[in-house]
Amino acid sequence: MQRRNVLAGIGTAALASIAGCLGTVGLDEHEASPAGVDSDVRSETGYELVGVEEVGVEETVGAAGLSETVVVRNYLTECEKAVGVEPIGEQRAAVFTVLSTPQVGVAGWNVNPVEEMSTAELVSLVEDNYDDIDNISHEDDDEFSVLGQTTTHATFTADAVFDGVDLEVNLHVTEAVETDDDLLVTIGVYPREVELEEEENVRELIAAVTETLDDEDADEGTDDEGADDEDDGLLG
């Protein structure tokens, strides 16, 4: 499974719609900064930072023979944990990801659609962009504090395929919160078989999101878009 096919769908499908707005006001490039997760909380919950991946959206806009290329750069900060899953044993099947995407202002308005997307809209992009996860069903909503801001946190169930095995999984999604320049969305997924432990772990990870990577994570985690293409995680 290719994790970018799932999670990059949010950054790609949603942000493609802002390219025209950027082109009309002369903003041909906009870039987010990668977010992080507190290293102490990662250690306590058993999650490992496995990569910080740039996901670029590139669109050509214009008419009448005049065009320009508009680029929006987003980042996925990806953490994984090995959990026991029957019948395939210990696998990196628990995944927590933070998407950072730039706030893009035009005439005082943010035109990045992620800002206004509900958890249902965000998770539908996951389903639409990934063949091996389907039957997503909403379970519950509650309020959660991320970076000191109250936002909606939703839990969904879904069917997924991992290493050729059908699994029931839980998906946790939060609506976007703001940093000075970016919007952050979190996504956690794990097999329902380990729900008793991992639900609380994902909640702790959400609460531990940081606006930036610490220096050690920045040195260790950065990947380019062409890396890590093998089947190495539930959404990997």
C-alpha atoms as a PDB file:
ATOM      1  CA  MET A   1       0.000   0.000   0.000  1.00  0.00           C
ATOM      2  CA  GLN A   2       1.224   3.491  -0.768  1.00  0.00           C
ATOM      3  CA  ARG A   3       0.617   5.873   2.123  1.00  0.00           C
ATOM      4  CA  ARG A   4       0.907   8.911  -0.135  1.00  0.00           C
ATOM      5  CA  ASN A   5      -1.990   7.608  -2.253  1.00  0.00           C
ATOM      6  CA  VAL A   6      -4.212   7.886   0.811  1.00  0.00           C
ATOM      7  CA  LEU A   7      -3.063  10.949   2.669  1.00  0.00           C
ATOM      8  CA  ALA A   8      -1.712  12.974  -0.218  1.00  0.00           C
ATOM      9  CA  GLY A   9      -5.240  12.848  -1.602  1.00  0.00           C
ATOM     10  CA  ILE A  10      -6.219  15.471   0.942  1.00  0.00           C
ATOM     11  CA  GLY A  11      -3.340  17.727   0.014  1.00  0.00           C
ATOM     12  CA  THR A  12      -3.702  17.167  -3.716  1.00  0.00           C
ATOM     13  CA  ALA A  13      -7.425  16.985  -4.443  1.00  0.00           C
ATOM     14  CA  ALA A  14      -8.335  19.838  -2.134  1.00  0.00           C
ATOM     15  CA  LEU A  15      -5.503  22.174  -3.041  1.00  0.00           C
ATOM     16  CA  ALA A  16      -5.758  21.787  -6.797  1.00  0.00           C
ATOM     17  CA  SER A  17      -8.795  24.058  -6.616  1.00  0.00           C
ATOM     18  CA  ILE A  18      -6.786  27.014  -5.276  1.00  0.00           C
ATOM     19  CA  ALA A  19      -4.277  27.119  -8.133  1.00  0.00           C
ATOM     20  CA  GLY A  20      -6.415  29.398 -10.282  1.00  0.00           C
ATOM     21  CA  CYS A  21      -6.866  31.847  -7.409  1.00  0.00           C
ATOM     22  CA  LEU A  22      -3.126  31.988  -6.878  1.00  0.00           C
ATOM     23  CA  GLY A  23      -2.428  32.563 -10.540  1.00  0.00           C
ATOM     24  CA  THR A  24      -4.810  35.490 -10.821  1.00  0.00           C
ATOM     25  CA  VAL A  25      -3.044  37.432  -8.078  1.00  0.00           C
ATOM     26  CA  GLY A  26       0.508  36.600  -9.086  1.00  0.00           C
ATOM     27  CA  LEU A  27       1.207  34.097  -6.297  1.00  0.00           C
ATOM     28  CA  ASP A  28       2.889  31.288  -8.205  1.00  0.00           C
ATOM     29  CA  GLU A  29       4.352  29.374  -5.244  1.00  0.00           C
ATOM     30  CA  HIS A  30       3.327  28.757  -1.641  1.00  0.00           C
ATOM     31  CA  GLU A  31       4.901  26.355   0.850  1.00  0.00           C
ATOM     32  CA  ALA A  32       3.951  25.023   4.268  1.00  0.00           C
ATOM     33  CA  SER A  33       6.360  24.062   7.041  1.00  0.00           C
ATOM     34  CA  PRO A  34       6.358  20.460   8.313  1.00  0.00           C
ATOM     35  CA  ALA A  35       4.650  19.981  11.671  1.00  0.00           C
ATOM     36  CA  GLY A  36       5.757  17.580  14.375  1.00  0.00           C
ATOM     37  CA  VAL A  37       4.664  15.433  17.305  1.00  0.00           C
ATOM     38  CA  ASP A  38       6.308  15.800  20.707  1.00  0.00           C
ATOM     39  CA  SER A  39       9.086  13.207  20.877  1.00  0.00           C
ATOM     40  CA  ASP A  40       8.366  12.272  24.508  1.00  0.00           C
ATOM     41  CA  VAL A  41       4.742  11.441  23.666  1.00  0.00           C
ATOM     42  CA  ARG A  42       5.820   9.443  20.617  1.00  0.00           C
ATOM     43  CA  SER A  43       8.141   7.437  22.831  1.00  0.00           C
ATOM     44  CA  GLU A  44       5.482   6.878  25.505  1.00  0.00           C
ATOM     45  CA  THR A  45       2.929   5.672  22.945  1.00  0.00           C
ATOM     46  CA  GLY A  46       5.413   3.551  20.982  1.00  0.00           C
ATOM     47  CA  TYR A  47       5.230   5.504  17.723  1.00  0.00           C
ATOM     48  CA  GLU A  48       8.313   6.187  15.605  1.00  0.00           C
ATOM     49  CA  LEU A  49       8.815   9.091  13.216  1.00  0.00           C
ATOM     50  CA  VAL A  50       9.354   7.408   9.840  1.00  0.00           C
ATOM     51  CA  GLY A  51       9.334  10.326   7.440  1.00  0.00           C
ATOM     52  CA  VAL A  52       8.538  13.910   6.593  1.00  0.00           C
ATOM     53  CA  GLU A  53       7.338  13.961   3.029  1.00  0.00           C
ATOM     54  CA  GLU A  54       6.807  16.900   0.722  1.00  0.00           C
ATOM     55  CA  VAL A  55       3.635  16.603  -1.351  1.00  0.00           C
ATOM     56  CA  GLY A  56       3.539  19.155  -4.143  1.00  0.00           C
ATOM     57  CA  VAL A  57       0.499  20.298  -6.099  1.00  0.00           C
ATOM     58  CA  GLU A  58       1.436  21.732  -9.481  1.00  0.00           C
ATOM     59  CA  GLU A  59      -1.159  23.267 -11.797  1.00  0.00           C
ATOM     60  CA  THR A  60      -0.860  25.221 -15.030  1.00  0.00           C
ATOM     61  CA  VAL A  61      -3.313  28.115 -15.154  1.00  0.00           C
ATOM     62  CA  GLY A  62      -4.082  30.706 -17.799  1.00  0.00           C
ATOM     63  CA  ALA A  63      -5.862  31.237 -21.099  1.00  0.00           C
ATOM     64  CA  ALA A  64      -5.414  32.650 -24.609  1.00  0.00           C
ATOM     65  CA  GLY A  65      -1.928  31.212 -24.939  1.00  0.00           C
ATOM     66  CA  LEU A  66      -0.704  32.758 -21.687  1.00  0.00           C
ATOM     67  CA  SER A  67      -0.127  30.442 -18.756  1.00  0.00           C
ATOM     68  CA  GLU A  68       1.995  29.930 -15.673  1.00  0.00           C
ATOM     69  CA  THR A  69       2.723  27.057 -13.345  1.00  0.00           C
ATOM     70  CA  VAL A  70       1.400  27.396  -9.812  1.00  0.00           C
ATOM     71  CA  VAL A  71       2.978  25.233  -7.093  1.00  0.00           C
ATOM     72  CA  VAL A  72       1.633  24.542  -3.594  1.00  0.00           C
ATOM     73  CA  ARG A  73       3.889  22.511  -1.291  1.00  0.00           C
ATOM     74  CA  ASN A  74       2.411  20.554   1.625  1.00  0.00           C
ATOM     75  CA  TYR A  75       4.077  18.227   4.129  1.00  0.00           C
ATOM     76  CA  LEU A  76       3.102  14.910   5.696  1.00  0.00           C
ATOM     77  CA  THR A  77       4.775  14.057   9.003  1.00  0.00           C
ATOM     78  CA  GLU A  78       4.385  10.298   9.387  1.00  0.00           C
ATOM     79  CA  CYS A  79       4.660   8.132  12.509  1.00  0.00           C
ATOM     80  CA  GLU A  80       4.174   4.365  12.725  1.00  0.00           C
ATOM     81  CA  LYS A  81       3.932   1.633  15.341  1.00  0.00           C
ATOM     82  CA  ALA A  82       4.170  -2.144  15.100  1.00  0.00           C
ATOM     83  CA  VAL A  83       1.115  -3.883  16.550  1.00  0.00           C
ATOM     84  CA  GLY A  84      -0.003  -7.500  16.693  1.00  0.00           C
ATOM     85  CA  VAL A  85      -2.569  -8.290  13.984  1.00  0.00           C
ATOM     86  CA  GLU A  86      -4.128 -11.706  13.379  1.00  0.00           C
ATOM     87  CA  PRO A  87      -3.272 -13.660  11.290  1.00  0.00           C
ATOM     88  CA  ILE A  88      -0.191 -11.747  10.071  1.00  0.00           C
ATOM     89  CA  GLY A  89       1.503 -11.090  13.405  1.00  0.00           C
ATOM     90  CA  GLU A  90       3.480  -7.986  14.374  1.00  0.00           C
ATOM     91  CA  GLN A  91       3.222  -5.337  11.647  1.00  0.00           C
ATOM     92  CA  ARG A  92       3.539  -1.561  11.333  1.00  0.00           C
ATOM     93  CA  ALA A  93      -0.212  -1.259  11.062  1.00  0.00           C
ATOM     94  CA  ALA A  94      -0.804   1.749  13.328  1.00  0.00           C
ATOM     95  CA  VAL A  95      -0.144   5.064  11.583  1.00  0.00           C
ATOM     96  CA  PHE A  96      -0.412   8.685  12.707  1.00  0.00           C
ATOM     97  CA  THR A  97       0.081  11.528  10.244  1.00  0.00           C
ATOM     98  CA  VAL A  98       0.014  15.311  10.420  1.00  0.00           C
ATOM     99  CA  LEU A  99      -0.729  17.194   7.196  1.00  0.00           C
ATOM    100  CA  SER A 100       0.528  20.777   7.039  1.00  0.00           C
ATOM    101  CA  THR A 101      -0.796  22.870   4.170  1.00  0.00           C
ATOM    102  CA  PRO A 102      -0.273  26.601   3.594  1.00  0.00           C
ATOM    103  CA  GLN A 103      -2.801  29.263   4.396  1.00  0.00           C
ATOM    104  CA  VAL A 104      -3.202  31.164   1.147  1.00  0.00           C
ATOM    105  CA  GLY A 105      -4.636  34.648   1.445  1.00  0.00           C
ATOM    106  CA  VAL A 106      -6.265  36.559  -1.382  1.00  0.00           C
ATOM    107  CA  ALA A 107      -7.723  39.990  -0.563  1.00  0.00           C
ATOM    108  CA  GLY A 108      -7.877  39.085   3.113  1.00  0.00           C
ATOM    109  CA  TRP A 109      -9.513  35.688   2.544  1.00  0.00           C
ATOM    110  CA  ASN A 110      -7.925  32.271   2.971  1.00  0.00           C
ATOM    111  CA  VAL A 111      -8.643  30.373  -0.256  1.00  0.00           C
ATOM    112  CA  ASN A 112      -7.245  27.022   0.878  1.00  0.00           C
ATOM    113  CA  PRO A 113     -10.382  24.818   1.064  1.00  0.00           C
ATOM    114  CA  VAL A 114      -8.904  22.619   3.805  1.00  0.00           C
ATOM    115  CA  GLU A 115      -9.719  25.374   6.320  1.00  0.00           C
ATOM    116  CA  GLU A 116     -13.472  24.834   5.908  1.00  0.00           C
ATOM    117  CA  MET A 117     -13.536  21.075   5.277  1.00  0.00           C
ATOM    118  CA  SER A 118     -15.431  18.912   7.753  1.00  0.00           C
ATOM    119  CA  THR A 119     -14.023  15.631   9.020  1.00  0.00           C
ATOM    120  CA  ALA A 120     -16.470  13.827   6.722  1.00  0.00           C
ATOM    121  CA  GLU A 121     -15.135  15.743   3.707  1.00  0.00           C
ATOM    122  CA  LEU A 122     -11.544  15.092   4.719  1.00  0.00           C
ATOM    123  CA  VAL A 123     -12.060  11.369   5.191  1.00  0.00           C
ATOM    124  CA  SER A 124     -13.979  11.112   1.906  1.00  0.00           C
ATOM    125  CA  LEU A 125     -10.814  12.248   0.120  1.00  0.00           C
ATOM    126  CA  VAL A 126      -9.007   9.330   1.734  1.00  0.00           C
ATOM    127  CA  GLU A 127     -11.670   6.934   0.445  1.00  0.00           C
ATOM    128  CA  ASP A 128     -11.790   8.508  -3.024  1.00  0.00           C
ATOM    129  CA  ASN A 129      -8.019   8.349  -3.503  1.00  0.00           C
ATOM    130  CA  TYR A 130      -7.350   4.844  -2.222  1.00  0.00           C
ATOM    131  CA  ASP A 131      -8.704   1.606  -3.651  1.00  0.00           C
ATOM    132  CA  ASP A 132      -7.865  -0.582  -0.650  1.00  0.00           C
ATOM    133  CA  ILE A 133      -9.873   1.287   1.962  1.00  0.00           C
ATOM    134  CA  ASP A 134     -13.645   1.519   1.697  1.00  0.00           C
ATOM    135  CA  ASN A 135     -16.949   1.223   3.550  1.00  0.00           C
ATOM    136  CA  ILE A 136     -16.042   4.187   5.733  1.00  0.00           C
ATOM    137  CA  SER A 137     -18.695   4.779   8.385  1.00  0.00           C
ATOM    138  CA  HIS A 138     -18.953   7.634  10.875  1.00  0.00           C
ATOM    139  CA  GLU A 139     -18.941   6.558  14.524  1.00  0.00           C
ATOM    140  CA  ASP A 140     -18.579   9.580  16.774  1.00  0.00           C
ATOM    141  CA  ASP A 141     -17.669  13.278  17.067  1.00  0.00           C
ATOM    142  CA  ASP A 142     -16.190  15.175  19.964  1.00  0.00           C
ATOM    143  CA  GLU A 143     -14.234  18.359  20.594  1.00  0.00           C
ATOM    144  CA  PHE A 144     -10.481  18.295  20.956  1.00  0.00           C
ATOM    145  CA  SER A 145      -7.748  20.805  21.702  1.00  0.00           C
ATOM    146  CA  VAL A 146      -4.943  20.998  19.142  1.00  0.00           C
ATOM    147  CA  LEU A 147      -2.309  23.713  19.556  1.00  0.00           C
ATOM    148  CA  GLY A 148      -4.603  25.389  22.072  1.00  0.00           C
ATOM    149  CA  GLN A 149      -7.496  25.572  19.582  1.00  0.00           C
ATOM    150  CA  THR A 150     -10.756  23.676  19.964  1.00  0.00           C
ATOM    151  CA  THR A 151     -11.582  21.642  16.881  1.00  0.00           C
ATOM    152  CA  THR A 152     -13.768  18.704  15.857  1.00  0.00           C
ATOM    153  CA  HIS A 153     -12.334  15.213  16.215  1.00  0.00           C
ATOM    154  CA  ALA A 154     -14.214  12.388  14.492  1.00  0.00           C
ATOM    155  CA  THR A 155     -13.876   8.618  14.606  1.00  0.00           C
ATOM    156  CA  PHE A 156     -14.735   6.439  11.606  1.00  0.00           C
ATOM    157  CA  THR A 157     -14.611   2.713  10.927  1.00  0.00           C
ATOM    158  CA  ALA A 158     -13.561   1.253   7.582  1.00  0.00           C
ATOM    159  CA  ASP A 159     -12.529  -1.908   5.773  1.00  0.00           C
ATOM    160  CA  ALA A 160      -8.915  -2.055   4.609  1.00  0.00           C
ATOM    161  CA  VAL A 161      -6.511  -4.525   3.044  1.00  0.00           C
ATOM    162  CA  PHE A 162      -3.055  -5.018   4.545  1.00  0.00           C
ATOM    163  CA  ASP A 163      -0.566  -7.526   3.158  1.00  0.00           C
ATOM    164  CA  GLY A 164      -3.434  -9.284   1.396  1.00  0.00           C
ATOM    165  CA  VAL A 165      -5.480  -9.593   4.591  1.00  0.00           C
ATOM    166  CA  ASP A 166      -8.844  -7.894   5.126  1.00  0.00           C
ATOM    167  CA  LEU A 167      -8.886  -5.755   8.272  1.00  0.00           C
ATOM    168  CA  GLU A 168     -11.405  -3.592  10.057  1.00  0.00           C
ATOM    169  CA  VAL A 169      -9.748  -0.309  11.006  1.00  0.00           C
ATOM    170  CA  ASN A 170     -10.521   2.830  12.965  1.00  0.00           C
ATOM    171  CA  LEU A 171      -9.804   6.248  11.465  1.00  0.00           C
ATOM    172  CA  HIS A 172      -9.398   9.385  13.578  1.00  0.00           C
ATOM    173  CA  VAL A 173      -9.523  12.756  11.796  1.00  0.00           C
ATOM    174  CA  THR A 174      -9.400  16.311  13.120  1.00  0.00           C
ATOM    175  CA  GLU A 175     -10.559  19.409  11.310  1.00  0.00           C
ATOM    176  CA  ALA A 176      -7.905  21.976  10.460  1.00  0.00           C
ATOM    177  CA  VAL A 177      -6.335  24.247  13.049  1.00  0.00           C
ATOM    178  CA  GLU A 178      -4.175  27.265  12.270  1.00  0.00           C
ATOM    179  CA  THR A 179      -0.554  28.136  12.864  1.00  0.00           C
ATOM    180  CA  ASP A 180       0.810  31.545  11.873  1.00  0.00           C
ATOM    181  CA  ASP A 181       1.141  30.485   8.236  1.00  0.00           C
ATOM    182  CA  ASP A 182      -0.328  27.007   7.814  1.00  0.00           C
ATOM    183  CA  LEU A 183      -3.278  24.697   8.452  1.00  0.00           C
ATOM    184  CA  LEU A 184      -2.786  21.369  10.246  1.00  0.00           C
ATOM    185  CA  VAL A 185      -4.929  18.220   9.959  1.00  0.00           C
ATOM    186  CA  THR A 186      -4.277  14.966  11.837  1.00  0.00           C
ATOM    187  CA  ILE A 187      -5.153  11.435  10.738  1.00  0.00           C
ATOM    188  CA  GLY A 188      -4.706   8.283  12.818  1.00  0.00           C
ATOM    189  CA  VAL A 189      -5.493   4.747  11.688  1.00  0.00           C
ATOM    190  CA  TYR A 190      -5.077   1.340  13.336  1.00  0.00           C
ATOM    191  CA  PRO A 191      -6.719  -2.110  13.250  1.00  0.00           C
ATOM    192  CA  ARG A 192      -9.855  -2.343  15.389  1.00  0.00           C
ATOM    193  CA  GLU A 193      -8.263  -5.391  16.966  1.00  0.00           C
ATOM    194  CA  VAL A 194      -5.954  -3.048  18.940  1.00  0.00           C
ATOM    195  CA  GLU A 195      -8.555  -0.351  19.613  1.00  0.00           C
ATOM    196  CA  LEU A 196      -8.401  -0.705  23.400  1.00  0.00           C
ATOM    197  CA  GLU A 197      -4.830   0.592  23.505  1.00  0.00           C
ATOM    198  CA  GLU A 198      -4.419   2.586  20.309  1.00  0.00           C
ATOM    199  CA  GLU A 199      -7.486   4.816  20.600  1.00  0.00           C
ATOM    200  CA  GLU A 200      -6.005   6.482  23.669  1.00  0.00           C
ATOM    201  CA  ASN A 201      -2.558   6.595  22.058  1.00  0.00           C
ATOM    202  CA  VAL A 202      -3.908   8.431  19.016  1.00  0.00           C
ATOM    203  CA  ARG A 203      -5.661  10.934  21.260  1.00  0.00           C
ATOM    204  CA  GLU A 204      -2.379  11.572  23.067  1.00  0.00           C
ATOM    205  CA  LEU A 205      -0.579  12.062  19.752  1.00  0.00           C
ATOM    206  CA  ILE A 206      -3.208  14.546  18.555  1.00  0.00           C
ATOM    207  CA  ALA A 207      -2.794  16.561  21.743  1.00  0.00           C
ATOM    208  CA  ALA A 208       0.998  16.477  21.304  1.00  0.00           C
ATOM    209  CA  VAL A 209       1.121  17.977  17.794  1.00  0.00           C
ATOM    210  CA  THR A 210       3.690  20.769  17.454  1.00  0.00           C
ATOM    211  CA  GLU A 211       3.838  23.577  14.896  1.00  0.00           C
ATOM    212  CA  THR A 212       7.355  22.634  13.803  1.00  0.00           C
ATOM    213  CA  LEU A 213       9.749  19.708  13.935  1.00  0.00           C
ATOM    214  CA  ASP A 214      12.440  19.766  16.563  1.00  0.00           C
ATOM    215  CA  ASP A 215      16.014  19.828  15.243  1.00  0.00           C
ATOM    216  CA  GLU A 216      16.624  16.095  15.703  1.00  0.00           C
ATOM    217  CA  ASP A 217      13.408  15.137  13.903  1.00  0.00           C
ATOM    218  CA  ALA A 218      14.164  17.552  11.069  1.00  0.00           C
ATOM    219  CA  ASP A 219      17.571  15.913  10.569  1.00  0.00           C
ATOM    220  CA  GLU A 220      16.223  12.358  10.692  1.00  0.00           C
ATOM    221  CA  GLY A 221      12.836  12.552   9.068  1.00  0.00           C
ATOM    222  CA  THR A 222      12.911  14.418   5.773  1.00  0.00           C
ATOM    223  CA  ASP A 223      12.018  12.355   2.705  1.00  0.00           C
ATOM    224  CA  ASP A 224      11.458  13.355  -0.880  1.00  0.00           C
ATOM    225  CA  GLU A 225       8.389  12.370  -2.855  1.00  0.00           C
ATOM    226  CA  GLY A 226      10.114   9.502  -4.581  1.00  0.00           C
ATOM    227  CA  ALA A 227      11.165   7.668  -1.434  1.00  0.00           C
ATOM    228  CA  ASP A 228       9.570   4.877   0.578  1.00  0.00           C
ATOM    229  CA  ASP A 229       7.410   3.331  -2.133  1.00  0.00           C
ATOM    230  CA  GLU A 230       7.251  -0.184  -0.761  1.00  0.00           C
ATOM    231  CA  ASP A 231       4.430  -1.807   1.126  1.00  0.00           C
ATOM    232  CA  ASP A 232       5.563  -0.905   4.643  1.00  0.00           C
ATOM    233  CA  GLY A 233       2.561   0.187   6.654  1.00  0.00           C
ATOM    234  CA  LEU A 234      -1.213   0.111   6.828  1.00  0.00           C
ATOM    235  CA  LEU A 235      -1.343   3.269   4.731  1.00  0.00           C
ATOM    236  CA  GLY A 236       2.193   2.853   3.458  1.00  0.00           C
END
